[in-house]
PDB file of N, CA and C in Angstrom:
ATOM      1  N   MET A   1     149.979  98.797 -63.068  1.00  0.00           N
ATOM      2  CA  MET A   1     150.922  98.218 -62.374  1.00  0.00           C
ATOM      3  C   MET A   1     151.218  98.939 -60.450  1.00  0.00           C
ATOM      4  N   ARG A   2     150.485  99.665 -61.036  1.00  0.00           N
ATOM      5  CA  ARG A   2     151.153 100.744 -59.218  1.00  0.00           C
ATOM      6  C   ARG A   2     150.352 100.151 -58.358  1.00  0.00           C
ATOM      7  N   TRP A   3     149.399  99.351 -58.513  1.00  0.00           N
ATOM      8  CA  TRP A   3     148.257  99.019 -57.611  1.00  0.00           C
ATOM      9  C   TRP A   3     148.586  97.764 -57.484  1.00  0.00           C
ATOM     10  N   LEU A   4     149.031  96.730 -58.196  1.00  0.00           N
ATOM     11  CA  LEU A   4     149.462  95.350 -57.978  1.00  0.00           C
ATOM     12  C   LEU A   4     150.120  95.062 -56.902  1.00  0.00           C
ATOM     13  N   LEU A   5     150.935  95.499 -55.894  1.00  0.00           N
ATOM     14  CA  LEU A   5     151.992  95.392 -54.934  1.00  0.00           C
ATOM     15  C   LEU A   5     151.052  95.725 -54.019  1.00  0.00           C
ATOM     16  N   PRO A   6     150.259  96.973 -54.304  1.00  0.00           N
ATOM     17  CA  PRO A   6     149.320  97.028 -52.714  1.00  0.00           C
ATOM     18  C   PRO A   6     148.366  96.076 -52.553  1.00  0.00           C
ATOM     19  N   GLY A   7     147.930  95.645 -53.698  1.00  0.00           N
ATOM     20  CA  GLY A   7     146.565  94.937 -53.895  1.00  0.00           C
ATOM     21  C   GLY A   7     146.995  93.602 -53.110  1.00  0.00           C
ATOM     22  N   VAL A   8     148.197  92.565 -53.737  1.00  0.00           N
ATOM     23  CA  VAL A   8     149.294  91.936 -53.361  1.00  0.00           C
ATOM     24  C   VAL A   8     149.614  91.711 -51.764  1.00  0.00           C
ATOM     25  N   VAL A   9     149.719  92.761 -51.360  1.00  0.00           N
ATOM     26  CA  VAL A   9     149.916  92.998 -49.956  1.00  0.00           C
ATOM     27  C   VAL A   9     148.905  92.936 -48.945  1.00  0.00           C
ATOM     28  N   LEU A  10     147.879  93.380 -49.229  1.00  0.00           N
ATOM     29  CA  LEU A  10     146.371  93.578 -48.482  1.00  0.00           C
ATOM     30  C   LEU A  10     145.885  92.072 -48.649  1.00  0.00           C
ATOM     31  N   ALA A  11     146.009  91.139 -49.937  1.00  0.00           N
ATOM     32  CA  ALA A  11     145.470  89.852 -49.731  1.00  0.00           C
ATOM     33  C   ALA A  11     146.251  89.140 -48.865  1.00  0.00           C
ATOM     34  N   LEU A  12     147.657  89.208 -48.941  1.00  0.00           N
ATOM     35  CA  LEU A  12     148.213  88.593 -47.864  1.00  0.00           C
ATOM     36  C   LEU A  12     148.390  88.758 -46.082  1.00  0.00           C
ATOM     37  N   THR A  13     147.567  89.658 -45.875  1.00  0.00           N
ATOM     38  CA  THR A  13     147.395  90.232 -44.805  1.00  0.00           C
ATOM     39  C   THR A  13     146.557  90.359 -44.284  1.00  0.00           C
ATOM     40  N   GLY A  14     145.390  90.092 -45.241  1.00  0.00           N
ATOM     41  CA  GLY A  14     143.562  90.086 -44.670  1.00  0.00           C
ATOM     42  C   GLY A  14     143.699  89.049 -43.668  1.00  0.00           C
ATOM     43  N   CYS A  15     142.286  89.712 -43.138  1.00  0.00           N
ATOM     44  CA  CYS A  15     142.238  88.772 -41.781  1.00  0.00           C
ATOM     45  C   CYS A  15     140.561  88.436 -42.385  1.00  0.00           C
ATOM     46  N   ALA A  16     140.397  87.015 -41.636  1.00  0.00           N
ATOM     47  CA  ALA A  16     138.898  86.391 -41.408  1.00  0.00           C
ATOM     48  C   ALA A  16     138.266  85.710 -40.049  1.00  0.00           C
ATOM     49  N   THR A  17     137.427  86.320 -39.853  1.00  0.00           N
ATOM     50  CA  THR A  17     136.722  85.415 -38.708  1.00  0.00           C
ATOM     51  C   THR A  17     135.341  85.509 -38.558  1.00  0.00           C
ATOM     52  N   PRO A  18     134.860  84.314 -39.247  1.00  0.00           N
ATOM     53  CA  PRO A  18     133.712  83.988 -38.975  1.00  0.00           C
ATOM     54  C   PRO A  18     133.321  83.378 -37.591  1.00  0.00           C
ATOM     55  N   ARG A  19     131.733  83.562 -37.438  1.00  0.00           N
ATOM     56  CA  ARG A  19     131.462  82.847 -36.193  1.00  0.00           C
ATOM     57  C   ARG A  19     129.980  83.120 -36.248  1.00  0.00           C
ATOM     58  N   THR A  20     129.491  81.826 -36.114  1.00  0.00           N
ATOM     59  CA  THR A  20     127.966  81.355 -35.620  1.00  0.00           C
ATOM     60  C   THR A  20     128.066  80.841 -34.839  1.00  0.00           C
ATOM     61  N   VAL A  21     126.735  81.236 -33.585  1.00  0.00           N
ATOM     62  CA  VAL A  21     125.782  80.767 -32.792  1.00  0.00           C
ATOM     63  C   VAL A  21     124.658  79.554 -33.252  1.00  0.00           C
ATOM     64  N   LEU A  22     124.977  78.812 -32.746  1.00  0.00           N
ATOM     65  CA  LEU A  22     124.020  77.504 -33.127  1.00  0.00           C
ATOM     66  C   LEU A  22     123.403  77.317 -31.628  1.00  0.00           C
ATOM     67  N   VAL A  23     121.747  76.805 -31.923  1.00  0.00           N
ATOM     68  CA  VAL A  23     121.295  76.623 -30.147  1.00  0.00           C
ATOM     69  C   VAL A  23     120.331  75.143 -30.692  1.00  0.00           C
ATOM     70  N   ASN A  24     120.099  74.038 -29.594  1.00  0.00           N
ATOM     71  CA  ASN A  24     119.192  73.030 -30.045  1.00  0.00           C
ATOM     72  C   ASN A  24     117.908  72.863 -29.331  1.00  0.00           C
ATOM     73  N   ASP A  25     117.083  72.039 -29.167  1.00  0.00           N
ATOM     74  CA  ASP A  25     116.116  72.348 -28.462  1.00  0.00           C
ATOM     75  C   ASP A  25     115.977  72.556 -27.254  1.00  0.00           C
ATOM     76  N   PRO A  26     116.809  71.958 -26.281  1.00  0.00           N
ATOM     77  CA  PRO A  26     117.095  72.227 -24.686  1.00  0.00           C
ATOM     78  C   PRO A  26     117.226  73.941 -24.653  1.00  0.00           C
ATOM     79  N   GLY A  27     117.708  74.165 -25.528  1.00  0.00           N
ATOM     80  CA  GLY A  27     118.298  75.682 -25.362  1.00  0.00           C
ATOM     81  C   GLY A  27     120.167  75.801 -25.059  1.00  0.00           C
ATOM     82  N   GLU A  28     120.794  74.748 -25.340  1.00  0.00           N
ATOM     83  CA  GLU A  28     121.842  74.837 -25.327  1.00  0.00           C
ATOM     84  C   GLU A  28     122.838  75.136 -26.130  1.00  0.00           C
ATOM     85  N   HIS A  29     123.829  76.272 -26.840  1.00  0.00           N
ATOM     86  CA  HIS A  29     124.326  76.979 -27.391  1.00  0.00           C
ATOM     87  C   HIS A  29     125.492  76.465 -27.560  1.00  0.00           C
ATOM     88  N   VAL A  30     125.952  76.272 -29.061  1.00  0.00           N
ATOM     89  CA  VAL A  30     127.538  76.059 -29.398  1.00  0.00           C
ATOM     90  C   VAL A  30     127.689  77.341 -30.275  1.00  0.00           C
ATOM     91  N   THR A  31     128.929  77.558 -29.922  1.00  0.00           N
ATOM     92  CA  THR A  31     129.957  79.265 -30.830  1.00  0.00           C
ATOM     93  C   THR A  31     130.728  78.031 -31.727  1.00  0.00           C
ATOM     94  N   CYS A  32     130.529  78.794 -32.793  1.00  0.00           N
ATOM     95  CA  CYS A  32     132.005  78.411 -33.847  1.00  0.00           C
ATOM     96  C   CYS A  32     132.490  79.386 -34.587  1.00  0.00           C
ATOM     97  N   VAL A  33     134.086  79.460 -33.873  1.00  0.00           N
ATOM     98  CA  VAL A  33     134.747  80.797 -34.488  1.00  0.00           C
ATOM     99  C   VAL A  33     135.652  79.983 -35.505  1.00  0.00           C
ATOM    100  N   GLY A  34     136.331  80.746 -36.535  1.00  0.00           N
ATOM    101  CA  GLY A  34     137.595  80.540 -36.752  1.00  0.00           C
ATOM    102  C   GLY A  34     138.317  81.880 -36.977  1.00  0.00           C
ATOM    103  N   THR A  35     139.407  82.195 -36.724  1.00  0.00           N
ATOM    104  CA  THR A  35     140.458  82.825 -36.922  1.00  0.00           C
ATOM    105  C   THR A  35     142.053  83.092 -37.979  1.00  0.00           C
ATOM    106  N   GLY A  36     141.722  83.713 -38.693  1.00  0.00           N
ATOM    107  CA  GLY A  36     143.137  83.299 -39.740  1.00  0.00           C
ATOM    108  C   GLY A  36     143.511  84.811 -40.163  1.00  0.00           C
ATOM    109  N   TYR A  37     144.514  84.822 -40.883  1.00  0.00           N
ATOM    110  CA  TYR A  37     145.311  85.988 -40.969  1.00  0.00           C
ATOM    111  C   TYR A  37     146.165  85.613 -42.117  1.00  0.00           C
ATOM    112  N   GLY A  38     146.098  86.424 -43.505  1.00  0.00           N
ATOM    113  CA  GLY A  38     146.704  85.911 -44.328  1.00  0.00           C
ATOM    114  C   GLY A  38     145.867  85.296 -45.436  1.00  0.00           C
ATOM    115  N   LEU A  39     146.551  85.181 -46.578  1.00  0.00           N
ATOM    116  CA  LEU A  39     145.322  84.570 -47.885  1.00  0.00           C
ATOM    117  C   LEU A  39     144.843  82.416 -47.104  1.00  0.00           C
ATOM    118  N   PHE A  40     146.137  82.457 -46.755  1.00  0.00           N
ATOM    119  CA  PHE A  40     145.357  81.181 -46.321  1.00  0.00           C
ATOM    120  C   PHE A  40     145.306  80.512 -44.989  1.00  0.00           C
ATOM    121  N   GLY A  41     145.339  81.779 -44.260  1.00  0.00           N
ATOM    122  CA  GLY A  41     145.076  81.658 -42.810  1.00  0.00           C
ATOM    123  C   GLY A  41     143.607  81.683 -42.846  1.00  0.00           C
ATOM    124  N   SER A  42     142.971  82.582 -43.682  1.00  0.00           N
ATOM    125  CA  SER A  42     141.666  83.013 -44.282  1.00  0.00           C
ATOM    126  C   SER A  42     140.897  81.964 -44.697  1.00  0.00           C
ATOM    127  N   ILE A  43     141.762  80.879 -45.542  1.00  0.00           N
ATOM    128  CA  ILE A  43     141.031  79.905 -45.845  1.00  0.00           C
ATOM    129  C   ILE A  43     140.988  78.987 -44.825  1.00  0.00           C
ATOM    130  N   SER A  44     142.063  78.927 -44.143  1.00  0.00           N
ATOM    131  CA  SER A  44     141.920  77.672 -43.033  1.00  0.00           C
ATOM    132  C   SER A  44     140.704  78.366 -42.217  1.00  0.00           C
ATOM    133  N   ALA A  45     140.680  79.337 -41.123  1.00  0.00           N
ATOM    134  CA  ALA A  45     139.208  79.975 -40.920  1.00  0.00           C
ATOM    135  C   ALA A  45     138.260  79.734 -41.299  1.00  0.00           C
ATOM    136  N   GLN A  46     138.131  79.621 -42.566  1.00  0.00           N
ATOM    137  CA  GLN A  46     136.599  79.115 -42.875  1.00  0.00           C
ATOM    138  C   GLN A  46     136.153  77.638 -42.733  1.00  0.00           C
ATOM    139  N   TYR A  47     137.199  77.075 -43.153  1.00  0.00           N
ATOM    140  CA  TYR A  47     137.480  75.460 -43.178  1.00  0.00           C
ATOM    141  C   TYR A  47     137.159  75.179 -41.767  1.00  0.00           C
ATOM    142  N   GLU A  48     137.486  75.722 -40.649  1.00  0.00           N
ATOM    143  CA  GLU A  48     137.796  75.081 -39.221  1.00  0.00           C
ATOM    144  C   GLU A  48     136.328  75.569 -38.798  1.00  0.00           C
ATOM    145  N   HIS A  49     135.705  77.015 -39.383  1.00  0.00           N
ATOM    146  CA  HIS A  49     134.344  77.519 -38.898  1.00  0.00           C
ATOM    147  C   HIS A  49     133.355  76.457 -39.393  1.00  0.00           C
ATOM    148  N   ASP A  50     133.497  76.222 -40.602  1.00  0.00           N
ATOM    149  CA  ASP A  50     132.867  75.235 -41.743  1.00  0.00           C
ATOM    150  C   ASP A  50     132.589  73.838 -41.105  1.00  0.00           C
ATOM    151  N   ALA A  51     133.584  73.485 -40.661  1.00  0.00           N
ATOM    152  CA  ALA A  51     133.852  72.156 -40.193  1.00  0.00           C
ATOM    153  C   ALA A  51     133.340  71.626 -38.502  1.00  0.00           C
ATOM    154  N   CYS A  52     132.987  72.932 -37.891  1.00  0.00           N
ATOM    155  CA  CYS A  52     132.502  73.446 -36.596  1.00  0.00           C
ATOM    156  C   CYS A  52     130.940  73.067 -36.519  1.00  0.00           C
ATOM    157  N   VAL A  53     130.522  73.920 -37.857  1.00  0.00           N
ATOM    158  CA  VAL A  53     129.018  73.896 -38.057  1.00  0.00           C
ATOM    159  C   VAL A  53     128.319  72.988 -38.449  1.00  0.00           C
ATOM    160  N   ASP A  54     129.204  72.300 -39.296  1.00  0.00           N
ATOM    161  CA  ASP A  54     128.865  71.343 -39.827  1.00  0.00           C
ATOM    162  C   ASP A  54     128.825  70.015 -38.602  1.00  0.00           C
ATOM    163  N   ALA A  55     129.640  70.000 -37.705  1.00  0.00           N
ATOM    164  CA  ALA A  55     129.812  68.938 -36.444  1.00  0.00           C
ATOM    165  C   ALA A  55     128.367  69.429 -35.932  1.00  0.00           C
ATOM    166  N   ALA A  56     128.042  70.526 -35.443  1.00  0.00           N
ATOM    167  CA  ALA A  56     126.944  71.083 -34.623  1.00  0.00           C
ATOM    168  C   ALA A  56     125.426  70.601 -35.494  1.00  0.00           C
ATOM    169  N   LYS A  57     125.569  71.006 -36.544  1.00  0.00           N
ATOM    170  CA  LYS A  57     124.275  70.515 -37.058  1.00  0.00           C
ATOM    171  C   LYS A  57     124.231  69.199 -37.283  1.00  0.00           C
ATOM    172  N   GLN A  58     125.003  68.129 -37.280  1.00  0.00           N
ATOM    173  CA  GLN A  58     124.979  66.433 -37.460  1.00  0.00           C
ATOM    174  C   GLN A  58     124.267  66.440 -35.665  1.00  0.00           C
ATOM    175  N   LYS A  59     124.396  67.068 -35.096  1.00  0.00           N
ATOM    176  CA  LYS A  59     123.913  66.965 -33.013  1.00  0.00           C
ATOM    177  C   LYS A  59     122.420  68.008 -32.794  1.00  0.00           C
ATOM    178  N   GLY A  60     122.337  67.639 -33.965  1.00  0.00           N
ATOM    179  CA  GLY A  60     120.729  68.575 -33.796  1.00  0.00           C
ATOM    180  C   GLY A  60     120.202  70.086 -33.213  1.00  0.00           C
ATOM    181  N   TYR A  61     121.745  70.682 -33.796  1.00  0.00           N
ATOM    182  CA  TYR A  61     122.049  72.339 -33.588  1.00  0.00           C
ATOM    183  C   TYR A  61     121.318  72.885 -34.471  1.00  0.00           C
ATOM    184  N   ARG A  62     120.808  74.090 -35.044  1.00  0.00           N
ATOM    185  CA  ARG A  62     120.538  75.225 -35.565  1.00  0.00           C
ATOM    186  C   ARG A  62     121.271  76.396 -35.128  1.00  0.00           C
ATOM    187  N   VAL A  63     121.046  77.294 -36.672  1.00  0.00           N
ATOM    188  CA  VAL A  63     121.785  78.311 -36.425  1.00  0.00           C
ATOM    189  C   VAL A  63     121.011  79.384 -35.967  1.00  0.00           C
ATOM    190  N   GLU A  64     121.149  79.784 -34.767  1.00  0.00           N
ATOM    191  CA  GLU A  64     121.093  81.150 -34.259  1.00  0.00           C
ATOM    192  C   GLU A  64     121.291  82.559 -34.911  1.00  0.00           C
ATOM    193  N   PHE A  65     122.788  82.470 -35.259  1.00  0.00           N
ATOM    194  CA  PHE A  65     123.471  83.783 -35.418  1.00  0.00           C
ATOM    195  C   PHE A  65     124.063  83.577 -35.974  1.00  0.00           C
ATOM    196  N   GLU A  66     125.062  84.630 -37.166  1.00  0.00           N
ATOM    197  CA  GLU A  66     125.965  84.459 -38.042  1.00  0.00           C
ATOM    198  C   GLU A  66     126.308  85.409 -38.858  1.00  0.00           C
ATOM    199  N   ARG A  67     127.804  85.139 -38.668  1.00  0.00           N
ATOM    200  CA  ARG A  67     128.342  86.585 -39.119  1.00  0.00           C
ATOM    201  C   ARG A  67     129.697  86.067 -40.078  1.00  0.00           C
ATOM    202  N   HIS A  68     129.865  86.452 -40.849  1.00  0.00           N
ATOM    203  CA  HIS A  68     130.914  85.980 -41.960  1.00  0.00           C
ATOM    204  C   HIS A  68     132.161  87.311 -42.374  1.00  0.00           C
TER     205      HIS A  68
END
């Protein structure tokens, strides 16, 4: 029980910064980054990042580097 509060605090104060660099055939680069703090910020950051990557892939870009 004494680990419950620190676990909740950690979950609410964590951060996320997924980053993906994509490149197309002519060599142009797009960088997708999402940044968020806390539980909802982390979820939002991942959603923002994934939407950027999906949009770039639809335009013909492919993943060159990815960090989650």
